[in-house]
Amino acid sequence: MATLAFKLNEHLYLRDPQHTQLGQNIIHKSVEMIDRLGFEQFTFKKLAEEISSTEASIYRYFENKHKLLVYLISWYWHWIEYRIDIATGSLQNPQEKLRACLRVLAEEKKYDAGFEFVNEEALHRIVVAELDKTYQTKGVDVYNKEGLFGGFKSVCRKIAEVILMINPSYPFATSLVSTILVSSNQQLFFSEHLPSLTAIGTGKERYSKLYEFMENVVFNAIQL
């Protein structure tokens, strides 16, 4: 069992998968399969075969595969906020806090042993490839009313608050942060698939280049 778990919105699931072995298996294997197959080719039938269980058992945790995807990406944003809290906890200078936030967003994502059932490296690839599918849907307003995008909003709010510490009169803090959150993943997608649309490169240096890009955009935007 994992030593750590997040408190996610109860509308994301029918039964919280973090607290049972079967639920953790569902999360672990679904991350692996969506990363390998893509969301369109992923099904609960295939997942059930992989975990030697039944589709009915999976439906006891999630209403459908889209709700599962929203859950996974929500979990990712809670993890990012957790990483930001660790990175900024001892910092007093707001400029350094902001740089630490941007480094968390830009850095290459690695497996976090504190959450044994999630491969964060694979999950980040899913976020890069599938993020838009969570909110560009007819049900977005219902999902929003239920609070299903709370993890993303919490990260956005946390970083926007740091920006306002630096420049309280800056009028577009949440707009800037939400743009950076989405753009950071889009730039990595372009790097992998459409490299002529980005200047961050295609090798390992792309993470440091992504940070440089984000720092440049944010600090130029909020300059006093």
Protein backbone atom coordinates (compact mmCIF):
# COMPACT_ATOMS: atom_id res chain seq x y z
CA MET A 1 0.00 0.00 0.00
CA ALA A 2 1.18 3.54 -0.71
CA THR A 3 2.34 5.57 2.25
CA LEU A 4 0.78 8.78 0.91
CA ALA A 5 -2.58 9.61 -0.67
CA PHE A 6 -4.39 12.75 -1.78
CA LYS A 7 -7.91 13.79 -0.87
CA LEU A 8 -9.53 14.08 -4.29
CA ASN A 9 -13.01 15.33 -5.13
CA GLU A 10 -15.51 12.56 -4.40
CA HIS A 11 -17.32 13.20 -7.69
CA LEU A 12 -14.27 11.87 -9.54
CA TYR A 13 -14.93 8.29 -8.48
CA LEU A 14 -17.54 5.91 -7.13
CA ARG A 15 -15.03 4.38 -4.72
CA ASP A 16 -11.66 5.95 -3.95
CA PRO A 17 -9.10 3.66 -5.62
CA GLN A 18 -6.22 4.90 -3.47
CA HIS A 19 -7.35 2.89 -0.46
CA THR A 20 -7.73 -0.67 -1.80
CA GLN A 21 -5.30 -3.02 -3.52
CA LEU A 22 -7.66 -3.48 -6.47
CA GLY A 23 -8.12 0.29 -6.78
CA GLN A 24 -4.38 0.86 -6.78
CA ASN A 25 -3.97 -1.86 -9.41
CA ILE A 26 -6.59 -0.11 -11.55
CA ILE A 27 -4.68 3.18 -11.29
CA HIS A 28 -1.27 1.63 -11.83
CA LYS A 29 -2.26 -0.40 -14.87
CA SER A 30 -4.49 2.26 -16.44
CA VAL A 31 -1.60 4.75 -16.38
CA GLU A 32 0.63 2.18 -18.03
CA MET A 33 -1.97 1.27 -20.66
CA ILE A 34 -3.11 4.79 -21.57
CA ASP A 35 0.53 5.80 -21.89
CA ARG A 36 1.19 2.83 -24.19
CA LEU A 37 -2.06 2.63 -26.18
CA GLY A 38 -3.42 6.17 -26.09
CA PHE A 39 -6.76 7.10 -24.53
CA GLU A 40 -8.83 6.25 -27.62
CA GLN A 41 -7.62 2.64 -27.72
CA PHE A 42 -7.83 2.13 -23.96
CA THR A 43 -10.94 0.29 -22.69
CA PHE A 44 -12.14 -1.12 -19.39
CA LYS A 45 -12.30 -4.54 -21.06
CA LYS A 46 -8.58 -4.39 -21.87
CA LEU A 47 -7.84 -3.07 -18.38
CA ALA A 48 -9.79 -5.89 -16.75
CA GLU A 49 -7.75 -8.44 -18.68
CA GLU A 50 -4.51 -6.78 -17.61
CA ILE A 51 -5.38 -6.83 -13.91
CA SER A 52 -7.02 -10.30 -14.05
CA SER A 53 -10.34 -8.89 -12.88
CA THR A 54 -13.71 -8.00 -14.42
CA GLU A 55 -15.11 -4.91 -16.09
CA ALA A 56 -17.80 -4.85 -13.40
CA SER A 57 -15.14 -4.49 -10.70
CA ILE A 58 -13.67 -1.47 -12.49
CA TYR A 59 -17.11 0.11 -12.89
CA ARG A 60 -17.44 -0.05 -9.11
CA TYR A 61 -14.67 2.56 -8.99
CA PHE A 62 -15.32 4.69 -12.09
CA GLU A 63 -18.44 5.45 -14.12
CA ASN A 64 -16.56 5.40 -17.43
CA LYS A 65 -13.08 5.73 -18.90
CA HIS A 66 -13.36 9.50 -19.33
CA LYS A 67 -14.04 9.91 -15.61
CA LEU A 68 -10.98 7.74 -14.99
CA LEU A 69 -8.88 10.03 -17.22
CA VAL A 70 -10.14 13.11 -15.37
CA TYR A 71 -9.26 11.36 -12.09
CA LEU A 72 -5.74 10.57 -13.24
CA ILE A 73 -5.04 14.11 -14.41
CA SER A 74 -6.58 15.55 -11.25
CA TRP A 75 -4.27 13.28 -9.24
CA TYR A 76 -1.36 14.61 -11.29
CA TRP A 77 -2.17 18.24 -10.42
CA HIS A 78 -2.47 17.39 -6.74
CA TRP A 79 0.96 15.77 -6.99
CA ILE A 80 2.36 18.90 -8.69
CA GLU A 81 0.96 21.05 -5.88
CA TYR A 82 2.55 18.68 -3.35
CA ARG A 83 5.89 19.06 -5.19
CA ILE A 84 5.51 22.84 -5.25
CA ASP A 85 4.86 22.90 -1.49
CA ILE A 86 8.05 20.92 -0.90
CA ALA A 87 10.08 23.11 -3.27
CA THR A 88 8.87 26.42 -1.81
CA GLY A 89 8.33 25.56 1.85
CA SER A 90 11.61 27.00 3.08
CA LEU A 91 11.74 29.99 0.73
CA GLN A 92 10.87 33.51 1.84
CA ASN A 93 11.71 35.57 -1.25
CA PRO A 94 8.68 35.62 -3.59
CA GLN A 95 10.84 35.78 -6.74
CA GLU A 96 12.65 32.63 -5.65
CA LYS A 97 9.31 31.01 -4.78
CA LEU A 98 8.07 31.75 -8.28
CA ARG A 99 11.21 30.36 -9.88
CA ALA A 100 10.84 27.21 -7.76
CA CYS A 101 7.24 26.81 -8.92
CA LEU A 102 8.32 27.12 -12.55
CA ARG A 103 11.11 24.58 -12.05
CA VAL A 104 8.60 22.06 -10.71
CA LEU A 105 6.42 22.59 -13.77
CA ALA A 106 9.31 22.37 -16.23
CA GLU A 107 11.45 19.61 -14.76
CA GLU A 108 11.50 16.08 -16.11
CA LYS A 109 9.02 14.05 -14.11
CA LYS A 110 10.38 10.99 -12.32
CA TYR A 111 8.86 8.17 -10.29
CA ASP A 112 7.99 9.31 -6.77
CA ALA A 113 8.47 6.46 -4.29
CA GLY A 114 6.01 8.09 -1.90
CA PHE A 115 3.17 6.90 -4.17
CA GLU A 116 3.94 3.28 -5.00
CA PHE A 117 0.98 2.68 -7.32
CA VAL A 118 1.56 5.62 -9.71
CA ASN A 119 4.26 5.97 -12.35
CA GLU A 120 4.48 9.76 -12.45
CA GLU A 121 6.77 9.73 -15.49
CA ALA A 122 4.15 7.85 -17.52
CA LEU A 123 1.34 9.92 -16.01
CA HIS A 124 3.03 13.11 -17.13
CA ARG A 125 3.20 11.76 -20.68
CA ILE A 126 -0.56 11.21 -20.45
CA VAL A 127 -1.05 14.81 -19.26
CA VAL A 128 1.03 16.07 -22.17
CA ALA A 129 -0.93 13.99 -24.69
CA GLU A 130 -4.44 13.98 -23.24
CA LEU A 131 -4.94 17.07 -21.02
CA ASP A 132 -7.27 18.83 -23.46
CA LYS A 133 -9.63 15.84 -23.45
CA THR A 134 -10.51 16.43 -19.81
CA TYR A 135 -12.14 19.82 -20.34
CA GLN A 136 -12.80 20.20 -24.08
CA THR A 137 -15.99 18.22 -23.79
CA LYS A 138 -19.73 18.89 -23.75
CA GLY A 139 -19.80 17.98 -20.07
CA VAL A 140 -17.24 20.57 -19.01
CA ASP A 141 -19.75 22.82 -17.23
CA VAL A 142 -21.17 19.92 -15.22
CA TYR A 143 -17.67 18.72 -14.36
CA ASN A 144 -16.72 22.23 -13.33
CA LYS A 145 -19.82 22.60 -11.16
CA GLU A 146 -18.90 19.34 -9.44
CA GLY A 147 -15.41 20.67 -8.77
CA LEU A 148 -13.55 18.12 -10.88
CA PHE A 149 -10.91 20.62 -12.00
CA GLY A 150 -10.05 21.62 -8.46
CA GLY A 151 -6.50 20.29 -8.63
CA PHE A 152 -5.64 22.36 -11.69
CA LYS A 153 -7.32 25.43 -10.21
CA SER A 154 -5.48 25.02 -6.90
CA VAL A 155 -2.08 24.96 -8.62
CA CYS A 156 -3.09 28.00 -10.69
CA ARG A 157 -4.25 29.88 -7.60
CA LYS A 158 -1.12 29.02 -5.61
CA ILE A 159 1.26 30.32 -8.28
CA ALA A 160 -0.92 33.38 -8.98
CA GLU A 161 -0.70 34.30 -5.29
CA VAL A 162 3.10 34.28 -5.54
CA ILE A 163 2.94 36.53 -8.61
CA LEU A 164 0.78 38.98 -6.70
CA MET A 165 3.32 39.01 -3.88
CA ILE A 166 5.85 40.23 -6.43
CA ASN A 167 3.57 42.68 -8.21
CA PRO A 168 0.24 43.27 -6.44
CA SER A 169 -0.99 45.50 -9.26
CA TYR A 170 -0.52 42.93 -12.02
CA PRO A 171 -4.08 42.40 -13.37
CA PHE A 172 -3.72 39.07 -15.21
CA ALA A 173 -2.16 36.70 -12.68
CA THR A 174 -4.57 33.78 -13.13
CA SER A 175 -4.63 34.25 -16.91
CA LEU A 176 -0.85 34.16 -17.03
CA VAL A 177 -0.57 31.10 -14.81
CA SER A 178 -3.27 29.07 -16.55
CA THR A 179 -1.59 29.87 -19.87
CA ILE A 180 1.78 28.72 -18.54
CA LEU A 181 0.33 25.53 -17.05
CA VAL A 182 -1.18 24.54 -20.38
CA SER A 183 1.72 25.85 -22.45
CA SER A 184 4.34 23.92 -20.49
CA ASN A 185 2.73 20.67 -21.60
CA GLN A 186 2.02 21.89 -25.12
CA GLN A 187 5.68 22.78 -25.61
CA LEU A 188 6.71 19.26 -24.61
CA PHE A 189 4.10 17.83 -26.98
CA PHE A 190 5.46 19.98 -29.80
CA SER A 191 9.00 18.93 -28.90
CA GLU A 192 8.02 15.28 -29.28
CA HIS A 193 5.75 15.49 -32.31
CA LEU A 194 5.88 18.94 -33.98
CA PRO A 195 9.40 20.23 -33.23
CA SER A 196 9.22 23.12 -35.71
CA LEU A 197 6.63 24.73 -33.40
CA THR A 198 8.95 25.03 -30.41
CA ALA A 199 12.47 26.27 -29.67
CA ILE A 200 13.10 24.05 -26.63
CA GLY A 201 14.66 21.23 -28.64
CA THR A 202 14.04 17.50 -28.56
CA GLY A 203 16.69 16.11 -26.21
CA LYS A 204 17.13 16.13 -22.44
CA GLU A 205 17.97 19.83 -22.59
CA ARG A 206 14.35 20.57 -23.48
CA TYR A 207 13.42 20.63 -19.77
CA SER A 208 15.96 23.32 -18.93
CA LYS A 209 15.00 25.20 -22.10
CA LEU A 210 11.34 24.94 -21.11
CA TYR A 211 12.17 26.46 -17.75
CA GLU A 212 14.07 29.30 -19.43
CA PHE A 213 11.11 29.97 -21.70
CA MET A 214 8.62 29.99 -18.84
CA GLU A 215 10.81 32.19 -16.65
CA ASN A 216 11.26 34.63 -19.51
CA VAL A 217 7.53 34.85 -20.25
CA VAL A 218 6.40 35.15 -16.64
CA PHE A 219 8.97 37.61 -15.33
CA ASN A 220 8.73 39.84 -18.40
CA ALA A 221 4.96 39.89 -18.03
CA ILE A 222 4.90 40.84 -14.36
CA GLN A 223 7.82 43.27 -14.30
CA LEU A 224 7.20 46.29 -12.10
